[in-house]
Amino acid sequence: MVLGVSFASRGLYGGVEWIATIGNYSRLADPLVGVIFLRSLIFASMTTIVCAIVGFPLAYMVARASPRWQLIWLTLVMIPFWTNFLVRTYAWTVILRVDGLVNTFLQSIGMQEEPISLLFTDFAVAIGLMYGYLPFMVLPLIVAIERISPQLEEAAYDLYASMGATFRHVVVPLSKPGFIAGGILVFIPSLGAFITPYLLGGGQKMMIGTLIQQEFLVSRDWPFGSALSLGLMGTVLILWVLLSRSSFGKQVQ
């Protein structure tokens, strides 16, 4: 249905008028749309990288914990899923706003005399995306690390490898399936996110998901919104094909 609508025309008062056209796809070449696509790719890539850096130590701790503590840590990782994503995003507006928890804390300990602007910034959007999708990176990494025998780490230590060298040459390479699975689960929803950029970014730095939402609900240009959606899908598929054909993707497979 979305494919069919993407070749239709916008009605006089919005919606769909069934007059065939490819103009919606030609509009994808607009430089403004290109900038929004690029910004979305940058945010999604940064979110994926930060989630991998932050999530790996947490995943390793959970994977190597005793069964009792592992259950506790897994429960803590899963708790955010018990609350609606929109509610959790709204919570960050309370934390980051001028009179929010962060500014109140910094002023109370004397680090800041005047509140700093955190909300409606790229920083706020990045924090919101990382917080929202971090569990999607942690859970695949836990599974991957659990499959690594602790004896391999002990053997590395017996050969006088430091902890850092053991992680670099043993644990991290063998965790690649977890990294790629978590990367896909984080990158794809981050690329199409619209709630987080809209609420925490204030709509000042538009991402592709926000643009699609506005085309459907504000401009009521459903054909162009459909073309944007399929363009986003095509971008993800192209990236997936390139990854699967790379040496890294073949090694994981």
C-alpha atoms as a PDB file:
ATOM      1  CA  MET A   1       0.000   0.000   0.000  1.00  0.00           C
ATOM      2  CA  VAL A   2       2.827   2.379   0.860  1.00  0.00           C
ATOM      3  CA  LEU A   3       4.513   1.567  -2.460  1.00  0.00           C
ATOM      4  CA  GLY A   4       1.332   2.336  -4.360  1.00  0.00           C
ATOM      5  CA  VAL A   5       0.741   5.612  -2.506  1.00  0.00           C
ATOM      6  CA  SER A   6       4.323   6.703  -3.202  1.00  0.00           C
ATOM      7  CA  PHE A   7       3.496   6.884  -6.936  1.00  0.00           C
ATOM      8  CA  ALA A   8       0.292   8.869  -6.358  1.00  0.00           C
ATOM      9  CA  SER A   9      -0.165  12.639  -6.105  1.00  0.00           C
ATOM     10  CA  ARG A  10      -1.039  14.836  -3.153  1.00  0.00           C
ATOM     11  CA  GLY A  11      -4.639  15.958  -3.100  1.00  0.00           C
ATOM     12  CA  LEU A  12      -5.597  19.618  -3.090  1.00  0.00           C
ATOM     13  CA  TYR A  13      -6.354  19.472   0.624  1.00  0.00           C
ATOM     14  CA  GLY A  14      -3.893  16.717   1.455  1.00  0.00           C
ATOM     15  CA  GLY A  15      -4.242  12.968   1.352  1.00  0.00           C
ATOM     16  CA  VAL A  16      -3.954  10.957  -1.856  1.00  0.00           C
ATOM     17  CA  GLU A  17      -5.081  11.684  -5.379  1.00  0.00           C
ATOM     18  CA  TRP A  18      -4.670   8.702  -7.689  1.00  0.00           C
ATOM     19  CA  ILE A  19      -2.715  10.414 -10.444  1.00  0.00           C
ATOM     20  CA  ALA A  20       0.465   8.499 -11.225  1.00  0.00           C
ATOM     21  CA  THR A  21       3.743  10.379 -10.870  1.00  0.00           C
ATOM     22  CA  ILE A  22       7.401   9.763 -10.051  1.00  0.00           C
ATOM     23  CA  GLY A  23       7.824  13.281  -8.730  1.00  0.00           C
ATOM     24  CA  ASN A  24       7.822  12.080  -5.134  1.00  0.00           C
ATOM     25  CA  TYR A  25      11.020  10.135  -5.748  1.00  0.00           C
ATOM     26  CA  SER A  26      12.672  12.978  -7.625  1.00  0.00           C
ATOM     27  CA  ARG A  27      12.112  15.121  -4.528  1.00  0.00           C
ATOM     28  CA  LEU A  28      14.357  12.713  -2.600  1.00  0.00           C
ATOM     29  CA  ALA A  29      17.281  14.297  -4.460  1.00  0.00           C
ATOM     30  CA  ASP A  30      16.522  17.647  -2.828  1.00  0.00           C
ATOM     31  CA  PRO A  31      19.668  18.848  -0.942  1.00  0.00           C
ATOM     32  CA  LEU A  32      17.593  19.528   2.180  1.00  0.00           C
ATOM     33  CA  VAL A  33      16.365  15.926   2.227  1.00  0.00           C
ATOM     34  CA  GLY A  34      19.959  14.794   1.711  1.00  0.00           C
ATOM     35  CA  VAL A  35      21.110  16.817   4.718  1.00  0.00           C
ATOM     36  CA  ILE A  36      18.367  15.287   6.861  1.00  0.00           C
ATOM     37  CA  PHE A  37      19.289  11.781   5.671  1.00  0.00           C
ATOM     38  CA  LEU A  38      22.968  12.424   6.439  1.00  0.00           C
ATOM     39  CA  ARG A  39      22.153  13.808   9.881  1.00  0.00           C
ATOM     40  CA  SER A  40      20.044  10.735  10.621  1.00  0.00           C
ATOM     41  CA  LEU A  41      22.871   8.427   9.522  1.00  0.00           C
ATOM     42  CA  ILE A  42      25.347  10.277  11.737  1.00  0.00           C
ATOM     43  CA  PHE A  43      23.078  10.129  14.788  1.00  0.00           C
ATOM     44  CA  ALA A  44      22.280   6.447  14.204  1.00  0.00           C
ATOM     45  CA  SER A  45      25.971   5.581  13.757  1.00  0.00           C
ATOM     46  CA  MET A  46      27.002   7.511  16.859  1.00  0.00           C
ATOM     47  CA  THR A  47      24.220   5.878  18.869  1.00  0.00           C
ATOM     48  CA  THR A  48      25.337   2.431  17.733  1.00  0.00           C
ATOM     49  CA  ILE A  49      28.998   3.072  18.545  1.00  0.00           C
ATOM     50  CA  VAL A  50      28.287   4.562  21.981  1.00  0.00           C
ATOM     51  CA  CYS A  51      25.875   1.739  22.834  1.00  0.00           C
ATOM     52  CA  ALA A  52      28.570  -0.784  21.885  1.00  0.00           C
ATOM     53  CA  ILE A  53      31.209   0.967  24.019  1.00  0.00           C
ATOM     54  CA  VAL A  54      28.905   1.361  27.024  1.00  0.00           C
ATOM     55  CA  GLY A  55      27.068  -1.924  26.601  1.00  0.00           C
ATOM     56  CA  PHE A  56      30.044  -4.257  26.264  1.00  0.00           C
ATOM     57  CA  PRO A  57      31.380  -3.901  29.852  1.00  0.00           C
ATOM     58  CA  LEU A  58      27.836  -4.229  31.190  1.00  0.00           C
ATOM     59  CA  ALA A  59      27.172  -7.296  29.053  1.00  0.00           C
ATOM     60  CA  TYR A  60      30.465  -8.877  30.133  1.00  0.00           C
ATOM     61  CA  MET A  61      29.649  -8.299  33.804  1.00  0.00           C
ATOM     62  CA  VAL A  62      26.202  -9.882  33.391  1.00  0.00           C
ATOM     63  CA  ALA A  63      27.512 -12.817  31.357  1.00  0.00           C
ATOM     64  CA  ARG A  64      30.214 -13.658  33.909  1.00  0.00           C
ATOM     65  CA  ALA A  65      28.040 -13.136  37.004  1.00  0.00           C
ATOM     66  CA  SER A  66      26.693 -15.967  39.139  1.00  0.00           C
ATOM     67  CA  PRO A  67      23.209 -17.253  38.189  1.00  0.00           C
ATOM     68  CA  ARG A  68      21.588 -15.323  41.042  1.00  0.00           C
ATOM     69  CA  TRP A  69      23.244 -12.022  40.221  1.00  0.00           C
ATOM     70  CA  GLN A  70      22.793 -12.607  36.501  1.00  0.00           C
ATOM     71  CA  LEU A  71      19.025 -12.755  37.006  1.00  0.00           C
ATOM     72  CA  ILE A  72      19.137  -9.505  38.991  1.00  0.00           C
ATOM     73  CA  TRP A  73      21.231  -7.689  36.385  1.00  0.00           C
ATOM     74  CA  LEU A  74      19.104  -8.972  33.514  1.00  0.00           C
ATOM     75  CA  THR A  75      15.995  -7.738  35.317  1.00  0.00           C
ATOM     76  CA  LEU A  76      17.557  -4.281  35.694  1.00  0.00           C
ATOM     77  CA  VAL A  77      18.447  -4.241  31.999  1.00  0.00           C
ATOM     78  CA  MET A  78      14.891  -5.208  31.053  1.00  0.00           C
ATOM     79  CA  ILE A  79      13.090  -2.828  33.438  1.00  0.00           C
ATOM     80  CA  PRO A  80      12.982   0.071  30.914  1.00  0.00           C
ATOM     81  CA  PHE A  81      10.857  -2.119  28.618  1.00  0.00           C
ATOM     82  CA  TRP A  82       8.179  -2.225  31.305  1.00  0.00           C
ATOM     83  CA  THR A  83       7.417   1.446  30.674  1.00  0.00           C
ATOM     84  CA  ASN A  84       6.105   3.050  27.507  1.00  0.00           C
ATOM     85  CA  PHE A  85       8.880   4.488  25.315  1.00  0.00           C
ATOM     86  CA  LEU A  86       7.083   7.826  25.027  1.00  0.00           C
ATOM     87  CA  VAL A  87       6.857   8.132  28.822  1.00  0.00           C
ATOM     88  CA  ARG A  88      10.559   7.361  29.190  1.00  0.00           C
ATOM     89  CA  THR A  89      11.408  10.019  26.616  1.00  0.00           C
ATOM     90  CA  TYR A  90       9.248  12.572  28.419  1.00  0.00           C
ATOM     91  CA  ALA A  91      11.150  11.718  31.601  1.00  0.00           C
ATOM     92  CA  TRP A  92      14.353  12.959  29.967  1.00  0.00           C
ATOM     93  CA  THR A  93      12.741  16.347  29.358  1.00  0.00           C
ATOM     94  CA  VAL A  94      12.249  16.599  33.130  1.00  0.00           C
ATOM     95  CA  ILE A  95      15.869  15.599  33.728  1.00  0.00           C
ATOM     96  CA  LEU A  96      17.469  17.913  31.141  1.00  0.00           C
ATOM     97  CA  ARG A  97      15.312  21.060  31.197  1.00  0.00           C
ATOM     98  CA  VAL A  98      16.569  24.320  32.696  1.00  0.00           C
ATOM     99  CA  ASP A  99      14.976  23.633  36.093  1.00  0.00           C
ATOM    100  CA  GLY A 100      15.479  19.885  35.772  1.00  0.00           C
ATOM    101  CA  LEU A 101      17.390  17.406  37.877  1.00  0.00           C
ATOM    102  CA  VAL A 102      20.792  17.911  36.209  1.00  0.00           C
ATOM    103  CA  ASN A 103      20.852  21.692  36.520  1.00  0.00           C
ATOM    104  CA  THR A 104      19.410  21.569  40.031  1.00  0.00           C
ATOM    105  CA  PHE A 105      22.127  19.146  41.117  1.00  0.00           C
ATOM    106  CA  LEU A 106      24.968  21.118  39.490  1.00  0.00           C
ATOM    107  CA  GLN A 107      23.787  24.354  41.096  1.00  0.00           C
ATOM    108  CA  SER A 108      23.310  22.735  44.501  1.00  0.00           C
ATOM    109  CA  ILE A 109      26.947  21.543  44.600  1.00  0.00           C
ATOM    110  CA  GLY A 110      28.239  24.878  43.305  1.00  0.00           C
ATOM    111  CA  MET A 111      29.499  23.697  39.910  1.00  0.00           C
ATOM    112  CA  GLN A 112      27.165  26.032  38.010  1.00  0.00           C
ATOM    113  CA  GLU A 113      25.822  29.440  38.968  1.00  0.00           C
ATOM    114  CA  GLU A 114      23.501  29.666  35.988  1.00  0.00           C
ATOM    115  CA  PRO A 115      21.597  26.716  34.480  1.00  0.00           C
ATOM    116  CA  ILE A 116      23.052  25.315  31.294  1.00  0.00           C
ATOM    117  CA  SER A 117      20.987  24.589  28.207  1.00  0.00           C
ATOM    118  CA  LEU A 118      20.779  20.820  27.780  1.00  0.00           C
ATOM    119  CA  LEU A 119      17.300  20.260  26.410  1.00  0.00           C
ATOM    120  CA  PHE A 120      16.611  20.814  22.689  1.00  0.00           C
ATOM    121  CA  THR A 121      20.239  20.129  21.761  1.00  0.00           C
ATOM    122  CA  ASP A 122      22.100  17.434  19.842  1.00  0.00           C
ATOM    123  CA  PHE A 123      23.410  16.216  23.203  1.00  0.00           C
ATOM    124  CA  ALA A 124      19.869  15.639  24.477  1.00  0.00           C
ATOM    125  CA  VAL A 125      18.921  13.730  21.320  1.00  0.00           C
ATOM    126  CA  ALA A 126      22.059  11.566  21.557  1.00  0.00           C
ATOM    127  CA  ILE A 127      21.437  10.777  25.229  1.00  0.00           C
ATOM    128  CA  GLY A 128      17.808   9.912  24.545  1.00  0.00           C
ATOM    129  CA  LEU A 129      18.667   7.603  21.654  1.00  0.00           C
ATOM    130  CA  MET A 130      21.433   5.850  23.562  1.00  0.00           C
ATOM    131  CA  TYR A 131      19.246   5.346  26.625  1.00  0.00           C
ATOM    132  CA  GLY A 132      16.331   4.073  24.566  1.00  0.00           C
ATOM    133  CA  TYR A 133      18.247   1.509  22.539  1.00  0.00           C
ATOM    134  CA  LEU A 134      21.085   0.445  24.857  1.00  0.00           C
ATOM    135  CA  PRO A 135      19.303  -2.765  25.976  1.00  0.00           C
ATOM    136  CA  PHE A 136      19.099  -3.875  22.324  1.00  0.00           C
ATOM    137  CA  MET A 137      22.914  -3.870  22.261  1.00  0.00           C
ATOM    138  CA  VAL A 138      23.432  -5.405  25.699  1.00  0.00           C
ATOM    139  CA  LEU A 139      21.202  -8.465  25.285  1.00  0.00           C
ATOM    140  CA  PRO A 140      22.858  -9.869  22.100  1.00  0.00           C
ATOM    141  CA  LEU A 141      26.288  -9.204  23.610  1.00  0.00           C
ATOM    142  CA  ILE A 142      25.353 -11.152  26.734  1.00  0.00           C
ATOM    143  CA  VAL A 143      24.420 -14.154  24.601  1.00  0.00           C
ATOM    144  CA  ALA A 144      27.640 -13.877  22.573  1.00  0.00           C
ATOM    145  CA  ILE A 145      29.898 -13.555  25.637  1.00  0.00           C
ATOM    146  CA  GLU A 146      28.199 -16.461  27.410  1.00  0.00           C
ATOM    147  CA  ARG A 147      29.241 -18.673  24.502  1.00  0.00           C
ATOM    148  CA  ILE A 148      32.914 -17.798  25.039  1.00  0.00           C
ATOM    149  CA  SER A 149      34.539 -20.354  27.299  1.00  0.00           C
ATOM    150  CA  PRO A 150      36.179 -18.763  30.374  1.00  0.00           C
ATOM    151  CA  GLN A 151      39.011 -21.233  29.832  1.00  0.00           C
ATOM    152  CA  LEU A 152      40.123 -19.221  26.795  1.00  0.00           C
ATOM    153  CA  GLU A 153      40.588 -16.164  29.010  1.00  0.00           C
ATOM    154  CA  GLU A 154      42.426 -18.258  31.604  1.00  0.00           C
ATOM    155  CA  ALA A 155      44.719 -19.576  28.872  1.00  0.00           C
ATOM    156  CA  ALA A 156      45.505 -16.015  27.793  1.00  0.00           C
ATOM    157  CA  TYR A 157      46.368 -15.066  31.376  1.00  0.00           C
ATOM    158  CA  ASP A 158      48.558 -18.188  31.657  1.00  0.00           C
ATOM    159  CA  LEU A 159      50.455 -16.919  28.606  1.00  0.00           C
ATOM    160  CA  TYR A 160      51.126 -13.644  30.474  1.00  0.00           C
ATOM    161  CA  ALA A 161      48.534 -11.594  28.594  1.00  0.00           C
ATOM    162  CA  SER A 162      47.239  -8.576  30.465  1.00  0.00           C
ATOM    163  CA  MET A 163      43.531  -8.028  31.011  1.00  0.00           C
ATOM    164  CA  GLY A 164      43.468  -5.437  28.231  1.00  0.00           C
ATOM    165  CA  ALA A 165      45.271  -7.739  25.810  1.00  0.00           C
ATOM    166  CA  THR A 166      42.923 -10.591  26.664  1.00  0.00           C
ATOM    167  CA  PHE A 167      39.910  -8.435  25.906  1.00  0.00           C
ATOM    168  CA  ARG A 168      41.399  -7.115  22.659  1.00  0.00           C
ATOM    169  CA  HIS A 169      42.605 -10.434  21.261  1.00  0.00           C
ATOM    170  CA  VAL A 170      40.185 -12.976  22.765  1.00  0.00           C
ATOM    171  CA  VAL A 171      36.910 -11.613  24.143  1.00  0.00           C
ATOM    172  CA  VAL A 172      36.143  -8.804  21.693  1.00  0.00           C
ATOM    173  CA  PRO A 173      36.892 -10.786  18.479  1.00  0.00           C
ATOM    174  CA  LEU A 174      34.780 -13.724  19.667  1.00  0.00           C
ATOM    175  CA  SER A 175      31.954 -11.306  20.558  1.00  0.00           C
ATOM    176  CA  LYS A 176      31.571 -10.104  16.950  1.00  0.00           C
ATOM    177  CA  PRO A 177      28.224 -11.898  16.406  1.00  0.00           C
ATOM    178  CA  GLY A 178      26.832 -10.006  19.388  1.00  0.00           C
ATOM    179  CA  PHE A 179      28.200  -6.698  18.121  1.00  0.00           C
ATOM    180  CA  ILE A 180      26.689  -7.111  14.670  1.00  0.00           C
ATOM    181  CA  ALA A 181      23.306  -8.310  15.984  1.00  0.00           C
ATOM    182  CA  GLY A 182      23.185  -5.501  18.536  1.00  0.00           C
ATOM    183  CA  GLY A 183      24.378  -2.997  15.945  1.00  0.00           C
ATOM    184  CA  ILE A 184      21.514  -3.894  13.620  1.00  0.00           C
ATOM    185  CA  LEU A 185      18.953  -3.733  16.441  1.00  0.00           C
ATOM    186  CA  VAL A 186      20.232  -0.295  17.499  1.00  0.00           C
ATOM    187  CA  PHE A 187      21.075   1.276  14.146  1.00  0.00           C
ATOM    188  CA  ILE A 188      17.807   0.613  12.314  1.00  0.00           C
ATOM    189  CA  PRO A 189      15.383   2.081  14.914  1.00  0.00           C
ATOM    190  CA  SER A 190      17.798   4.949  15.612  1.00  0.00           C
ATOM    191  CA  LEU A 191      17.867   5.808  11.924  1.00  0.00           C
ATOM    192  CA  GLY A 192      14.090   6.093  11.766  1.00  0.00           C
ATOM    193  CA  ALA A 193      13.495   7.564  15.222  1.00  0.00           C
ATOM    194  CA  PHE A 194      11.132  10.531  15.439  1.00  0.00           C
ATOM    195  CA  ILE A 195       9.814  10.702  19.020  1.00  0.00           C
ATOM    196  CA  THR A 196      13.235  11.264  20.588  1.00  0.00           C
ATOM    197  CA  PRO A 197      14.444  13.969  18.130  1.00  0.00           C
ATOM    198  CA  TYR A 198      11.045  15.671  18.307  1.00  0.00           C
ATOM    199  CA  LEU A 199      10.767  15.815  22.113  1.00  0.00           C
ATOM    200  CA  LEU A 200      14.424  16.181  23.122  1.00  0.00           C
ATOM    201  CA  GLY A 201      15.604  18.089  20.065  1.00  0.00           C
ATOM    202  CA  GLY A 202      12.574  20.361  19.889  1.00  0.00           C
ATOM    203  CA  GLY A 203      12.316  19.752  16.153  1.00  0.00           C
ATOM    204  CA  GLN A 204      15.274  22.100  15.602  1.00  0.00           C
ATOM    205  CA  LYS A 205      17.489  19.388  14.081  1.00  0.00           C
ATOM    206  CA  MET A 206      15.112  17.310  11.989  1.00  0.00           C
ATOM    207  CA  MET A 207      15.812  13.647  11.340  1.00  0.00           C
ATOM    208  CA  ILE A 208      14.297  11.495   8.634  1.00  0.00           C
ATOM    209  CA  GLY A 209      11.757   9.901  10.989  1.00  0.00           C
ATOM    210  CA  THR A 210      10.544  13.332  12.080  1.00  0.00           C
ATOM    211  CA  LEU A 211      10.283  14.455   8.461  1.00  0.00           C
ATOM    212  CA  ILE A 212       8.186  11.405   7.551  1.00  0.00           C
ATOM    213  CA  GLN A 213       5.907  12.043  10.531  1.00  0.00           C
ATOM    214  CA  GLN A 214       5.434  15.663   9.525  1.00  0.00           C
ATOM    215  CA  GLU A 215       4.702  14.794   5.909  1.00  0.00           C
ATOM    216  CA  PHE A 216       1.934  12.420   6.982  1.00  0.00           C
ATOM    217  CA  LEU A 217       0.396  14.331   9.895  1.00  0.00           C
ATOM    218  CA  VAL A 218       1.256  18.015   9.328  1.00  0.00           C
ATOM    219  CA  SER A 219       1.692  18.589   5.595  1.00  0.00           C
ATOM    220  CA  ARG A 220      -0.672  15.701   4.773  1.00  0.00           C
ATOM    221  CA  ASP A 221       1.534  14.856   1.811  1.00  0.00           C
ATOM    222  CA  TRP A 222       1.118  11.103   2.054  1.00  0.00           C
ATOM    223  CA  PRO A 223       2.713  10.285  -1.324  1.00  0.00           C
ATOM    224  CA  PHE A 224       5.959  12.079  -0.471  1.00  0.00           C
ATOM    225  CA  GLY A 225       5.907  10.624   3.043  1.00  0.00           C
ATOM    226  CA  SER A 226       5.570   7.158   1.506  1.00  0.00           C
ATOM    227  CA  ALA A 227       8.479   7.833  -0.870  1.00  0.00           C
ATOM    228  CA  LEU A 228      10.594   8.955   2.088  1.00  0.00           C
ATOM    229  CA  SER A 229       9.668   5.790   3.996  1.00  0.00           C
ATOM    230  CA  LEU A 230      10.660   3.566   1.084  1.00  0.00           C
ATOM    231  CA  GLY A 231      13.841   5.588   0.604  1.00  0.00           C
ATOM    232  CA  LEU A 232      14.711   4.958   4.245  1.00  0.00           C
ATOM    233  CA  MET A 233      13.980   1.255   3.812  1.00  0.00           C
ATOM    234  CA  GLY A 234      16.143   1.151   0.685  1.00  0.00           C
ATOM    235  CA  THR A 235      19.018   2.834   2.532  1.00  0.00           C
ATOM    236  CA  VAL A 236      18.864   0.227   5.300  1.00  0.00           C
ATOM    237  CA  LEU A 237      18.773  -2.630   2.766  1.00  0.00           C
ATOM    238  CA  ILE A 238      21.773  -1.235   0.866  1.00  0.00           C
ATOM    239  CA  LEU A 239      23.770  -0.901   4.084  1.00  0.00           C
ATOM    240  CA  TRP A 240      22.785  -4.448   5.051  1.00  0.00           C
ATOM    241  CA  VAL A 241      23.913  -5.851   1.686  1.00  0.00           C
ATOM    242  CA  LEU A 242      27.241  -4.013   1.905  1.00  0.00           C
ATOM    243  CA  LEU A 243      27.772  -5.303   5.441  1.00  0.00           C
ATOM    244  CA  SER A 244      26.856  -8.894   4.571  1.00  0.00           C
ATOM    245  CA  ARG A 245      29.288  -8.866   1.628  1.00  0.00           C
ATOM    246  CA  SER A 246      32.144  -7.402   3.644  1.00  0.00           C
ATOM    247  CA  SER A 247      34.795  -9.576   5.268  1.00  0.00           C
ATOM    248  CA  PHE A 248      33.388  -8.721   8.690  1.00  0.00           C
ATOM    249  CA  GLY A 249      29.900  -9.837   7.709  1.00  0.00           C
ATOM    250  CA  LYS A 250      31.166 -13.105   6.177  1.00  0.00           C
ATOM    251  CA  GLN A 251      33.227 -13.821   9.274  1.00  0.00           C
ATOM    252  CA  VAL A 252      30.184 -13.391  11.509  1.00  0.00           C
ATOM    253  CA  GLN A 253      28.022 -15.551   9.239  1.00  0.00           C
END
